[in-house]
Each structure stands twice: as C-alpha cells, then as structure tokens.
Amino acid sequence: MRYTFALDLKNDPALITEYERYHEKIWPEIDVSIRESGIKDMEIYRIENRLFMIMETDETFSFEQKSINDSANPIVQEWEELMWQYQQALPTAKPGEKWMRMERIFVL
C-alpha cells in the first residue's frame, strides 16, 4: 500500500535547516522502528515550509499497531518530541494530529 501525508514546518529558515539535517541521517532506532512496522519505503519532500511524505508498506503494516508500538518506545517518543519543535500542524488538524493523510484525486 502507498500512503501520502502532509505536515508543515515552522516557517523559520534556521529551523527548517536543522530539521533537514536531522533527516540526513535519522537515529538508528527510528530507522528500526519504521522498518519493523512494515514500512518498506518512506520519502519526505519539502516546498517552502510544507512537507509531503510518501510511505510504502507491506501487508503486515497497521496504523493502529504502529501507534501502539511508538507510544511504548521511549526513543520514538523522544524523536517525536524533538521533531515537534520544528513542525506545526496543518490549519485543519485536530488537536494532537501531526501528519495528515492525503487523499488521492488523480492517477495516470
């Protein structure tokens, strides 16, 4: 399955640069957490302060199980807290919602 998401960064060039530096080489524990959840490929793109994520998963992936595993993993929680210093929710996000799932509207 392919899933796409959007999220904003705080509109501060210095913070955006720091955020990108963290993603040049994510923490090894985050890489393991992502892969063990059934995510096979993940890419993040940026234009200005808007981020787009494309995530490819295998048949074992579950949003619910990933959420359970992440909430029980202190390293993932530390990473998420750190990243939230750079990120900001989209205007229509619910409280506590970060990456918002996008709807596909066209396929060629």
PDB file of N, CA and C in Angstrom:
ATOM      1  N   MET A   1       0.830  -1.188   0.000  1.00  0.00           N
ATOM      2  CA  MET A   1       0.000   0.000   0.000  1.00  0.00           C
ATOM      3  C   MET A   1       0.871   1.246   0.000  1.00  0.00           C
ATOM      4  N   ARG A   2       0.350   2.271  -0.607  1.00  0.00           N
ATOM      5  CA  ARG A   2       1.023   3.577  -0.602  1.00  0.00           C
ATOM      6  C   ARG A   2       0.127   4.562   0.134  1.00  0.00           C
ATOM      7  N   TYR A   3       0.745   5.311   1.039  1.00  0.00           N
ATOM      8  CA  TYR A   3       0.039   6.343   1.782  1.00  0.00           C
ATOM      9  C   TYR A   3       0.807   7.649   1.611  1.00  0.00           C
ATOM     10  N   THR A   4       0.074   8.748   1.581  1.00  0.00           N
ATOM     11  CA  THR A   4       0.706  10.062   1.468  1.00  0.00           C
ATOM     12  C   THR A   4       0.186  10.963   2.584  1.00  0.00           C
ATOM     13  N   PHE A   5       1.060  11.824   3.072  1.00  0.00           N
ATOM     14  CA  PHE A   5       0.751  12.680   4.210  1.00  0.00           C
ATOM     15  C   PHE A   5       1.313  14.076   3.984  1.00  0.00           C
ATOM     16  N   ALA A   6       0.753  15.046   4.692  1.00  0.00           N
ATOM     17  CA  ALA A   6       1.264  16.419   4.656  1.00  0.00           C
ATOM     18  C   ALA A   6       1.402  16.937   6.082  1.00  0.00           C
ATOM     19  N   LEU A   7       2.347  17.838   6.252  1.00  0.00           N
ATOM     20  CA  LEU A   7       2.607  18.489   7.531  1.00  0.00           C
ATOM     21  C   LEU A   7       3.391  19.755   7.239  1.00  0.00           C
ATOM     22  N   ASP A   8       3.272  20.741   8.079  1.00  0.00           N
ATOM     23  CA  ASP A   8       4.041  21.972   7.915  1.00  0.00           C
ATOM     24  C   ASP A   8       5.195  22.025   8.900  1.00  0.00           C
ATOM     25  N   LEU A   9       6.219  22.747   8.495  1.00  0.00           N
ATOM     26  CA  LEU A   9       7.294  23.115   9.407  1.00  0.00           C
ATOM     27  C   LEU A   9       7.047  24.553   9.851  1.00  0.00           C
ATOM     28  N   LYS A  10       7.603  24.901  10.976  1.00  0.00           N
ATOM     29  CA  LYS A  10       7.562  26.297  11.386  1.00  0.00           C
ATOM     30  C   LYS A  10       8.297  27.095  10.318  1.00  0.00           C
ATOM     31  N   ASN A  11       7.766  28.227   9.935  1.00  0.00           N
ATOM     32  CA  ASN A  11       8.301  28.985   8.814  1.00  0.00           C
ATOM     33  C   ASN A  11       9.498  29.829   9.250  1.00  0.00           C
ATOM     34  N   ASP A  12      10.589  29.131   9.561  1.00  0.00           N
ATOM     35  CA  ASP A  12      11.823  29.746  10.036  1.00  0.00           C
ATOM     36  C   ASP A  12      12.973  29.036   9.324  1.00  0.00           C
ATOM     37  N   PRO A  13      13.701  29.725   8.454  1.00  0.00           N
ATOM     38  CA  PRO A  13      14.756  29.074   7.668  1.00  0.00           C
ATOM     39  C   PRO A  13      15.781  28.312   8.518  1.00  0.00           C
ATOM     40  N   ALA A  14      16.154  28.848   9.677  1.00  0.00           N
ATOM     41  CA  ALA A  14      17.134  28.163  10.525  1.00  0.00           C
ATOM     42  C   ALA A  14      16.558  26.846  11.055  1.00  0.00           C
ATOM     43  N   LEU A  15      15.297  26.862  11.475  1.00  0.00           N
ATOM     44  CA  LEU A  15      14.671  25.638  11.972  1.00  0.00           C
ATOM     45  C   LEU A  15      14.498  24.610  10.854  1.00  0.00           C
ATOM     46  N   ILE A  16      14.149  25.075   9.668  1.00  0.00           N
ATOM     47  CA  ILE A  16      13.990  24.169   8.532  1.00  0.00           C
ATOM     48  C   ILE A  16      15.327  23.505   8.210  1.00  0.00           C
ATOM     49  N   THR A  17      16.410  24.269   8.245  1.00  0.00           N
ATOM     50  CA  THR A  17      17.738  23.697   8.002  1.00  0.00           C
ATOM     51  C   THR A  17      18.077  22.648   9.044  1.00  0.00           C
ATOM     52  N   GLU A  18      17.811  22.928  10.304  1.00  0.00           N
ATOM     53  CA  GLU A  18      18.070  21.943  11.368  1.00  0.00           C
ATOM     54  C   GLU A  18      17.247  20.679  11.152  1.00  0.00           C
ATOM     55  N   TYR A  19      15.981  20.853  10.820  1.00  0.00           N
ATOM     56  CA  TYR A  19      15.090  19.714  10.587  1.00  0.00           C
ATOM     57  C   TYR A  19      15.652  18.829   9.469  1.00  0.00           C
ATOM     58  N   GLU A  20      16.080  19.457   8.400  1.00  0.00           N
ATOM     59  CA  GLU A  20      16.638  18.691   7.282  1.00  0.00           C
ATOM     60  C   GLU A  20      17.918  17.975   7.683  1.00  0.00           C
ATOM     61  N   ARG A  21      18.735  18.599   8.519  1.00  0.00           N
ATOM     62  CA  ARG A  21      19.964  17.944   8.993  1.00  0.00           C
ATOM     63  C   ARG A  21      19.638  16.668   9.764  1.00  0.00           C
ATOM     64  N   TYR A  22      18.624  16.723  10.619  1.00  0.00           N
ATOM     65  CA  TYR A  22      18.228  15.518  11.356  1.00  0.00           C
ATOM     66  C   TYR A  22      17.807  14.399  10.406  1.00  0.00           C
ATOM     67  N   HIS A  23      17.247  14.759   9.272  1.00  0.00           N
ATOM     68  CA  HIS A  23      16.770  13.746   8.337  1.00  0.00           C
ATOM     69  C   HIS A  23      17.836  13.279   7.348  1.00  0.00           C
ATOM     70  N   GLU A  24      18.999  13.901   7.370  1.00  0.00           N
ATOM     71  CA  GLU A  24      20.107  13.380   6.554  1.00  0.00           C
ATOM     72  C   GLU A  24      20.516  12.007   7.053  1.00  0.00           C
ATOM     73  N   LYS A  25      20.441  11.808   8.361  1.00  0.00           N
ATOM     74  CA  LYS A  25      20.733  10.504   8.971  1.00  0.00           C
ATOM     75  C   LYS A  25      19.903  10.403  10.236  1.00  0.00           C
ATOM     76  N   ILE A  26      18.730   9.775  10.112  1.00  0.00           N
ATOM     77  CA  ILE A  26      17.868   9.639  11.281  1.00  0.00           C
ATOM     78  C   ILE A  26      18.512   8.703  12.295  1.00  0.00           C
ATOM     79  N   TRP A  27      18.050   8.779  13.529  1.00  0.00           N
ATOM     80  CA  TRP A  27      18.577   7.898  14.568  1.00  0.00           C
ATOM     81  C   TRP A  27      18.349   6.442  14.169  1.00  0.00           C
ATOM     82  N   PRO A  28      19.312   5.573  14.446  1.00  0.00           N
ATOM     83  CA  PRO A  28      19.165   4.152  14.064  1.00  0.00           C
ATOM     84  C   PRO A  28      17.912   3.503  14.652  1.00  0.00           C
ATOM     85  N   GLU A  29      17.556   3.871  15.866  1.00  0.00           N
ATOM     86  CA  GLU A  29      16.365   3.286  16.494  1.00  0.00           C
ATOM     87  C   GLU A  29      15.086   3.681  15.769  1.00  0.00           C
ATOM     88  N   ILE A  30      15.087   4.865  15.171  1.00  0.00           N
ATOM     89  CA  ILE A  30      13.918   5.316  14.409  1.00  0.00           C
ATOM     90  C   ILE A  30      13.824   4.529  13.110  1.00  0.00           C
ATOM     91  N   ASP A  31      14.958   4.317  12.474  1.00  0.00           N
ATOM     92  CA  ASP A  31      15.006   3.502  11.255  1.00  0.00           C
ATOM     93  C   ASP A  31      14.458   2.106  11.542  1.00  0.00           C
ATOM     94  N   VAL A  32      14.901   1.494  12.640  1.00  0.00           N
ATOM     95  CA  VAL A  32      14.445   0.148  13.012  1.00  0.00           C
ATOM     96  C   VAL A  32      12.944   0.153  13.273  1.00  0.00           C
ATOM     97  N   SER A  33      12.471   1.135  14.011  1.00  0.00           N
ATOM     98  CA  SER A  33      11.043   1.224  14.327  1.00  0.00           C
ATOM     99  C   SER A  33      10.203   1.326  13.061  1.00  0.00           C
ATOM    100  N   ILE A  34      10.635   2.137  12.134  1.00  0.00           N
ATOM    101  CA  ILE A  34       9.915   2.305  10.863  1.00  0.00           C
ATOM    102  C   ILE A  34       9.870   0.991  10.104  1.00  0.00           C
ATOM    103  N   ARG A  35      11.027   0.376   9.923  1.00  0.00           N
ATOM    104  CA  ARG A  35      11.109  -0.853   9.127  1.00  0.00           C
ATOM    105  C   ARG A  35      10.365  -2.019   9.780  1.00  0.00           C
ATOM    106  N   GLU A  36      10.483  -2.147  11.100  1.00  0.00           N
ATOM    107  CA  GLU A  36       9.827  -3.262  11.794  1.00  0.00           C
ATOM    108  C   GLU A  36       8.305  -3.146  11.772  1.00  0.00           C
ATOM    109  N   SER A  37       7.785  -1.956  11.501  1.00  0.00           N
ATOM    110  CA  SER A  37       6.329  -1.776  11.470  1.00  0.00           C
ATOM    111  C   SER A  37       5.715  -2.220  10.145  1.00  0.00           C
ATOM    112  N   GLY A  38       6.548  -2.544   9.169  1.00  0.00           N
ATOM    113  CA  GLY A  38       6.039  -2.941   7.855  1.00  0.00           C
ATOM    114  C   GLY A  38       6.145  -1.844   6.812  1.00  0.00           C
ATOM    115  N   ILE A  39       6.817  -0.752   7.167  1.00  0.00           N
ATOM    116  CA  ILE A  39       7.053   0.313   6.187  1.00  0.00           C
ATOM    117  C   ILE A  39       8.295  -0.055   5.394  1.00  0.00           C
ATOM    118  N   LYS A  40       8.130  -0.184   4.105  1.00  0.00           N
ATOM    119  CA  LYS A  40       9.220  -0.620   3.234  1.00  0.00           C
ATOM    120  C   LYS A  40       9.980   0.537   2.604  1.00  0.00           C
ATOM    121  N   ASP A  41       9.313   1.650   2.412  1.00  0.00           N
ATOM    122  CA  ASP A  41       9.968   2.806   1.813  1.00  0.00           C
ATOM    123  C   ASP A  41       9.254   4.055   2.321  1.00  0.00           C
ATOM    124  N   MET A  42      10.039   5.101   2.552  1.00  0.00           N
ATOM    125  CA  MET A  42       9.466   6.355   3.015  1.00  0.00           C
ATOM    126  C   MET A  42      10.305   7.486   2.438  1.00  0.00           C
ATOM    127  N   GLU A  43       9.619   8.476   1.886  1.00  0.00           N
ATOM    128  CA  GLU A  43      10.280   9.660   1.359  1.00  0.00           C
ATOM    129  C   GLU A  43       9.545  10.879   1.875  1.00  0.00           C
ATOM    130  N   ILE A  44      10.307  11.943   2.158  1.00  0.00           N
ATOM    131  CA  ILE A  44       9.715  13.212   2.552  1.00  0.00           C
ATOM    132  C   ILE A  44      10.231  14.277   1.590  1.00  0.00           C
ATOM    133  N   TYR A  45       9.318  15.068   1.070  1.00  0.00           N
ATOM    134  CA  TYR A  45       9.639  16.174   0.173  1.00  0.00           C
ATOM    135  C   TYR A  45       9.217  17.470   0.839  1.00  0.00           C
ATOM    136  N   ARG A  46       9.897  18.562   0.477  1.00  0.00           N
ATOM    137  CA  ARG A  46       9.574  19.868   1.051  1.00  0.00           C
ATOM    138  C   ARG A  46       9.483  20.924  -0.037  1.00  0.00           C
ATOM    139  N   ILE A  47       8.493  21.775   0.091  1.00  0.00           N
ATOM    140  CA  ILE A  47       8.432  23.029  -0.654  1.00  0.00           C
ATOM    141  C   ILE A  47       8.102  24.102   0.372  1.00  0.00           C
ATOM    142  N   GLU A  48       8.967  25.100   0.430  1.00  0.00           N
ATOM    143  CA  GLU A  48       8.857  26.142   1.448  1.00  0.00           C
ATOM    144  C   GLU A  48       8.778  25.460   2.809  1.00  0.00           C
ATOM    145  N   ASN A  49       7.699  25.670   3.559  1.00  0.00           N
ATOM    146  CA  ASN A  49       7.632  25.011   4.862  1.00  0.00           C
ATOM    147  C   ASN A  49       6.614  23.859   4.883  1.00  0.00           C
ATOM    148  N   ARG A  50       6.157  23.425   3.726  1.00  0.00           N
ATOM    149  CA  ARG A  50       5.215  22.301   3.643  1.00  0.00           C
ATOM    150  C   ARG A  50       5.962  21.022   3.320  1.00  0.00           C
ATOM    151  N   LEU A  51       5.645  19.968   4.064  1.00  0.00           N
ATOM    152  CA  LEU A  51       6.236  18.652   3.865  1.00  0.00           C
ATOM    153  C   LEU A  51       5.210  17.697   3.274  1.00  0.00           C
ATOM    154  N   PHE A  52       5.678  16.803   2.410  1.00  0.00           N
ATOM    155  CA  PHE A  52       4.871  15.721   1.869  1.00  0.00           C
ATOM    156  C   PHE A  52       5.616  14.418   2.087  1.00  0.00           C
ATOM    157  N   MET A  53       4.935  13.435   2.647  1.00  0.00           N
ATOM    158  CA  MET A  53       5.540  12.123   2.888  1.00  0.00           C
ATOM    159  C   MET A  53       4.838  11.077   2.037  1.00  0.00           C
ATOM    160  N   ILE A  54       5.643  10.212   1.417  1.00  0.00           N
ATOM    161  CA  ILE A  54       5.131   9.060   0.696  1.00  0.00           C
ATOM    162  C   ILE A  54       5.644   7.833   1.434  1.00  0.00           C
ATOM    163  N   MET A  55       4.727   6.943   1.775  1.00  0.00           N
ATOM    164  CA  MET A  55       5.071   5.772   2.565  1.00  0.00           C
ATOM    165  C   MET A  55       4.548   4.525   1.854  1.00  0.00           C
ATOM    166  N   GLU A  56       5.431   3.580   1.609  1.00  0.00           N
ATOM    167  CA  GLU A  56       5.059   2.297   1.007  1.00  0.00           C
ATOM    168  C   GLU A  56       5.148   1.236   2.094  1.00  0.00           C
ATOM    169  N   THR A  57       4.084   0.428   2.222  1.00  0.00           N
ATOM    170  CA  THR A  57       4.045  -0.576   3.285  1.00  0.00           C
ATOM    171  C   THR A  57       3.813  -1.968   2.717  1.00  0.00           C
ATOM    172  N   ASP A  58       4.126  -2.965   3.545  1.00  0.00           N
ATOM    173  CA  ASP A  58       3.786  -4.334   3.165  1.00  0.00           C
ATOM    174  C   ASP A  58       2.467  -4.713   3.837  1.00  0.00           C
ATOM    175  N   GLU A  59       2.073  -5.970   3.673  1.00  0.00           N
ATOM    176  CA  GLU A  59       0.777  -6.427   4.175  1.00  0.00           C
ATOM    177  C   GLU A  59       0.708  -6.512   5.700  1.00  0.00           C
ATOM    178  N   THR A  60       1.852  -6.431   6.374  1.00  0.00           N
ATOM    179  CA  THR A  60       1.842  -6.512   7.837  1.00  0.00           C
ATOM    180  C   THR A  60       1.594  -5.160   8.505  1.00  0.00           C
ATOM    181  N   PHE A  61       1.654  -4.076   7.741  1.00  0.00           N
ATOM    182  CA  PHE A  61       1.548  -2.751   8.334  1.00  0.00           C
ATOM    183  C   PHE A  61       0.143  -2.465   8.848  1.00  0.00           C
ATOM    184  N   SER A  62       0.088  -1.816  10.024  1.00  0.00           N
ATOM    185  CA  SER A  62      -1.165  -1.375  10.623  1.00  0.00           C
ATOM    186  C   SER A  62      -0.920  -0.049  11.326  1.00  0.00           C
ATOM    187  N   PHE A  63      -1.733   0.961  11.007  1.00  0.00           N
ATOM    188  CA  PHE A  63      -1.611   2.250  11.688  1.00  0.00           C
ATOM    189  C   PHE A  63      -1.813   2.093  13.188  1.00  0.00           C
ATOM    190  N   GLU A  64      -2.778   1.268  13.553  1.00  0.00           N
ATOM    191  CA  GLU A  64      -3.073   1.072  14.978  1.00  0.00           C
ATOM    192  C   GLU A  64      -1.890   0.447  15.709  1.00  0.00           C
ATOM    193  N   GLN A  65      -1.303  -0.608  15.120  1.00  0.00           N
ATOM    194  CA  GLN A  65      -0.174  -1.269  15.775  1.00  0.00           C
ATOM    195  C   GLN A  65       1.049  -0.363  15.815  1.00  0.00           C
ATOM    196  N   LYS A  66       1.272   0.397  14.760  1.00  0.00           N
ATOM    197  CA  LYS A  66       2.402   1.342  14.749  1.00  0.00           C
ATOM    198  C   LYS A  66       2.229   2.361  15.867  1.00  0.00           C
ATOM    199  N   SER A  67       1.029   2.857  16.051  1.00  0.00           N
ATOM    200  CA  SER A  67       0.770   3.822  17.112  1.00  0.00           C
ATOM    201  C   SER A  67       1.015   3.219  18.498  1.00  0.00           C
ATOM    202  N   ILE A  68       0.563   2.002  18.700  1.00  0.00           N
ATOM    203  CA  ILE A  68       0.781   1.310  19.979  1.00  0.00           C
ATOM    204  C   ILE A  68       2.275   1.125  20.228  1.00  0.00           C
ATOM    205  N   ASN A  69       2.978   0.628  19.222  1.00  0.00           N
ATOM    206  CA  ASN A  69       4.421   0.394  19.362  1.00  0.00           C
ATOM    207  C   ASN A  69       5.179   1.691  19.610  1.00  0.00           C
ATOM    208  N   ASP A  70       4.826   2.741  18.872  1.00  0.00           N
ATOM    209  CA  ASP A  70       5.512   4.026  19.029  1.00  0.00           C
ATOM    210  C   ASP A  70       5.286   4.617  20.412  1.00  0.00           C
ATOM    211  N   SER A  71       4.077   4.511  20.927  1.00  0.00           N
ATOM    212  CA  SER A  71       3.789   5.096  22.235  1.00  0.00           C
ATOM    213  C   SER A  71       4.505   4.346  23.355  1.00  0.00           C
ATOM    214  N   ALA A  72       4.880   3.088  23.109  1.00  0.00           N
ATOM    215  CA  ALA A  72       5.594   2.298  24.111  1.00  0.00           C
ATOM    216  C   ALA A  72       7.110   2.380  23.950  1.00  0.00           C
ATOM    217  N   ASN A  73       7.582   3.090  22.941  1.00  0.00           N
ATOM    218  CA  ASN A  73       9.015   3.157  22.649  1.00  0.00           C
ATOM    219  C   ASN A  73       9.552   4.530  23.065  1.00  0.00           C
ATOM    220  N   PRO A  74      10.367   4.593  24.144  1.00  0.00           N
ATOM    221  CA  PRO A  74      10.841   5.902  24.615  1.00  0.00           C
ATOM    222  C   PRO A  74      11.726   6.640  23.610  1.00  0.00           C
ATOM    223  N   ILE A  75      12.454   5.930  22.777  1.00  0.00           N
ATOM    224  CA  ILE A  75      13.297   6.591  21.774  1.00  0.00           C
ATOM    225  C   ILE A  75      12.425   7.239  20.704  1.00  0.00           C
ATOM    226  N   VAL A  76      11.393   6.548  20.264  1.00  0.00           N
ATOM    227  CA  VAL A  76      10.468   7.118  19.285  1.00  0.00           C
ATOM    228  C   VAL A  76       9.787   8.344  19.885  1.00  0.00           C
ATOM    229  N   GLN A  77       9.392   8.254  21.147  1.00  0.00           N
ATOM    230  CA  GLN A  77       8.754   9.395  21.803  1.00  0.00           C
ATOM    231  C   GLN A  77       9.706  10.592  21.897  1.00  0.00           C
ATOM    232  N   GLU A  78      10.978  10.311  22.191  1.00  0.00           N
ATOM    233  CA  GLU A  78      11.984  11.384  22.248  1.00  0.00           C
ATOM    234  C   GLU A  78      12.151  12.034  20.878  1.00  0.00           C
ATOM    235  N   TRP A  79      12.219  11.214  19.824  1.00  0.00           N
ATOM    236  CA  TRP A  79      12.340  11.716  18.450  1.00  0.00           C
ATOM    237  C   TRP A  79      11.136  12.580  18.084  1.00  0.00           C
ATOM    238  N   GLU A  80       9.942  12.081  18.378  1.00  0.00           N
ATOM    239  CA  GLU A  80       8.728  12.824  18.038  1.00  0.00           C
ATOM    240  C   GLU A  80       8.671  14.160  18.776  1.00  0.00           C
ATOM    241  N   GLU A  81       9.067  14.164  20.033  1.00  0.00           N
ATOM    242  CA  GLU A  81       9.093  15.410  20.801  1.00  0.00           C
ATOM    243  C   GLU A  81      10.107  16.393  20.208  1.00  0.00           C
ATOM    244  N   LEU A  82      11.258  15.880  19.820  1.00  0.00           N
ATOM    245  CA  LEU A  82      12.279  16.718  19.193  1.00  0.00           C
ATOM    246  C   LEU A  82      11.776  17.280  17.869  1.00  0.00           C
ATOM    247  N   MET A  83      11.181  16.436  17.031  1.00  0.00           N
ATOM    248  CA  MET A  83      10.709  16.878  15.722  1.00  0.00           C
ATOM    249  C   MET A  83       9.592  17.912  15.851  1.00  0.00           C
ATOM    250  N   TRP A  84       8.779  17.807  16.898  1.00  0.00           N
ATOM    251  CA  TRP A  84       7.666  18.735  17.079  1.00  0.00           C
ATOM    252  C   TRP A  84       8.165  20.150  17.334  1.00  0.00           C
ATOM    253  N   GLN A  85       9.415  20.304  17.714  1.00  0.00           N
ATOM    254  CA  GLN A  85       9.989  21.642  17.878  1.00  0.00           C
ATOM    255  C   GLN A  85      10.118  22.358  16.532  1.00  0.00           C
ATOM    256  N   TYR A  86      10.131  21.591  15.450  1.00  0.00           N
ATOM    257  CA  TYR A  86      10.284  22.135  14.099  1.00  0.00           C
ATOM    258  C   TYR A  86       8.972  22.125  13.320  1.00  0.00           C
ATOM    259  N   GLN A  87       8.074  21.239  13.700  1.00  0.00           N
ATOM    260  CA  GLN A  87       6.845  21.024  12.956  1.00  0.00           C
ATOM    261  C   GLN A  87       5.705  21.858  13.531  1.00  0.00           C
ATOM    262  N   GLN A  88       4.704  22.059  12.678  1.00  0.00           N
ATOM    263  CA  GLN A  88       3.444  22.649  13.146  1.00  0.00           C
ATOM    264  C   GLN A  88       2.311  21.982  12.381  1.00  0.00           C
ATOM    265  N   ALA A  89       1.216  21.825  13.049  1.00  0.00           N
ATOM    266  CA  ALA A  89       0.071  21.147  12.453  1.00  0.00           C
ATOM    267  C   ALA A  89      -0.501  21.976  11.310  1.00  0.00           C
ATOM    268  N   LEU A  90      -1.091  21.290  10.358  1.00  0.00           N
ATOM    269  CA  LEU A  90      -1.836  21.969   9.304  1.00  0.00           C
ATOM    270  C   LEU A  90      -3.038  22.677   9.927  1.00  0.00           C
ATOM    271  N   PRO A  91      -3.517  23.726   9.289  1.00  0.00           N
ATOM    272  CA  PRO A  91      -4.619  24.512   9.885  1.00  0.00           C
ATOM    273  C   PRO A  91      -5.866  23.698  10.234  1.00  0.00           C
ATOM    274  N   THR A  92      -6.132  22.632   9.500  1.00  0.00           N
ATOM    275  CA  THR A  92      -7.342  21.843   9.753  1.00  0.00           C
ATOM    276  C   THR A  92      -7.104  20.616  10.630  1.00  0.00           C
ATOM    277  N   ALA A  93      -5.900  20.480  11.170  1.00  0.00           N
ATOM    278  CA  ALA A  93      -5.586  19.310  12.004  1.00  0.00           C
ATOM    279  C   ALA A  93      -6.358  19.345  13.312  1.00  0.00           C
ATOM    280  N   LYS A  94      -6.694  18.148  13.779  1.00  0.00           N
ATOM    281  CA  LYS A  94      -7.322  18.012  15.094  1.00  0.00           C
ATOM    282  C   LYS A  94      -6.238  18.159  16.165  1.00  0.00           C
ATOM    283  N   PRO A  95      -6.609  18.467  17.395  1.00  0.00           N
ATOM    284  CA  PRO A  95      -5.607  18.574  18.464  1.00  0.00           C
ATOM    285  C   PRO A  95      -4.762  17.302  18.558  1.00  0.00           C
ATOM    286  N   GLY A  96      -3.447  17.490  18.582  1.00  0.00           N
ATOM    287  CA  GLY A  96      -2.519  16.369  18.669  1.00  0.00           C
ATOM    288  C   GLY A  96      -2.210  15.691  17.349  1.00  0.00           C
ATOM    289  N   GLU A  97      -2.869  16.074  16.281  1.00  0.00           N
ATOM    290  CA  GLU A  97      -2.648  15.457  14.968  1.00  0.00           C
ATOM    291  C   GLU A  97      -1.464  16.126  14.290  1.00  0.00           C
ATOM    292  N   LYS A  98      -0.552  15.295  13.786  1.00  0.00           N
ATOM    293  CA  LYS A  98       0.615  15.830  13.087  1.00  0.00           C
ATOM    294  C   LYS A  98       0.452  15.571  11.592  1.00  0.00           C
ATOM    295  N   TRP A  99       1.085  14.511  11.116  1.00  0.00           N
ATOM    296  CA  TRP A  99       0.992  14.190   9.695  1.00  0.00           C
ATOM    297  C   TRP A  99      -0.457  13.868   9.357  1.00  0.00           C
ATOM    298  N   MET A 100      -1.007  14.577   8.376  1.00  0.00           N
ATOM    299  CA  MET A 100      -2.381  14.344   7.938  1.00  0.00           C
ATOM    300  C   MET A 100      -2.365  13.555   6.631  1.00  0.00           C
ATOM    301  N   ARG A 101      -3.167  12.500   6.618  1.00  0.00           N
ATOM    302  CA  ARG A 101      -3.229  11.649   5.437  1.00  0.00           C
ATOM    303  C   ARG A 101      -3.906  12.397   4.297  1.00  0.00           C
ATOM    304  N   MET A 102      -3.289  12.294   3.120  1.00  0.00           N
ATOM    305  CA  MET A 102      -3.794  12.963   1.930  1.00  0.00           C
ATOM    306  C   MET A 102      -4.683  12.007   1.133  1.00  0.00           C
ATOM    307  N   GLU A 103      -5.596  12.582   0.399  1.00  0.00           N
ATOM    308  CA  GLU A 103      -6.486  11.814  -0.452  1.00  0.00           C
ATOM    309  C   GLU A 103      -6.011  11.904  -1.899  1.00  0.00           C
ATOM    310  N   ARG A 104      -5.889  10.737  -2.532  1.00  0.00           N
ATOM    311  CA  ARG A 104      -5.502  10.733  -3.946  1.00  0.00           C
ATOM    312  C   ARG A 104      -6.695  11.181  -4.772  1.00  0.00           C
ATOM    313  N   ILE A 105      -6.458  12.134  -5.671  1.00  0.00           N
ATOM    314  CA  ILE A 105      -7.531  12.653  -6.501  1.00  0.00           C
ATOM    315  C   ILE A 105      -7.310  12.402  -7.998  1.00  0.00           C
ATOM    316  N   PHE A 106      -6.120  11.871  -8.367  1.00  0.00           N
ATOM    317  CA  PHE A 106      -5.846  11.651  -9.770  1.00  0.00           C
ATOM    318  C   PHE A 106      -4.792  10.564  -9.918  1.00  0.00           C
ATOM    319  N   VAL A 107      -4.972   9.700 -10.925  1.00  0.00           N
ATOM    320  CA  VAL A 107      -3.986   8.679 -11.274  1.00  0.00           C
ATOM    321  C   VAL A 107      -3.881   8.650 -12.793  1.00  0.00           C
ATOM    322  N   LEU A 108      -2.677   8.580 -13.316  1.00  0.00           N
ATOM    323  CA  LEU A 108      -2.461   8.490 -14.760  1.00  0.00           C
ATOM    324  C   LEU A 108      -2.152   7.046 -15.106  1.00  0.00           C
TER     325      LEU A 108
END
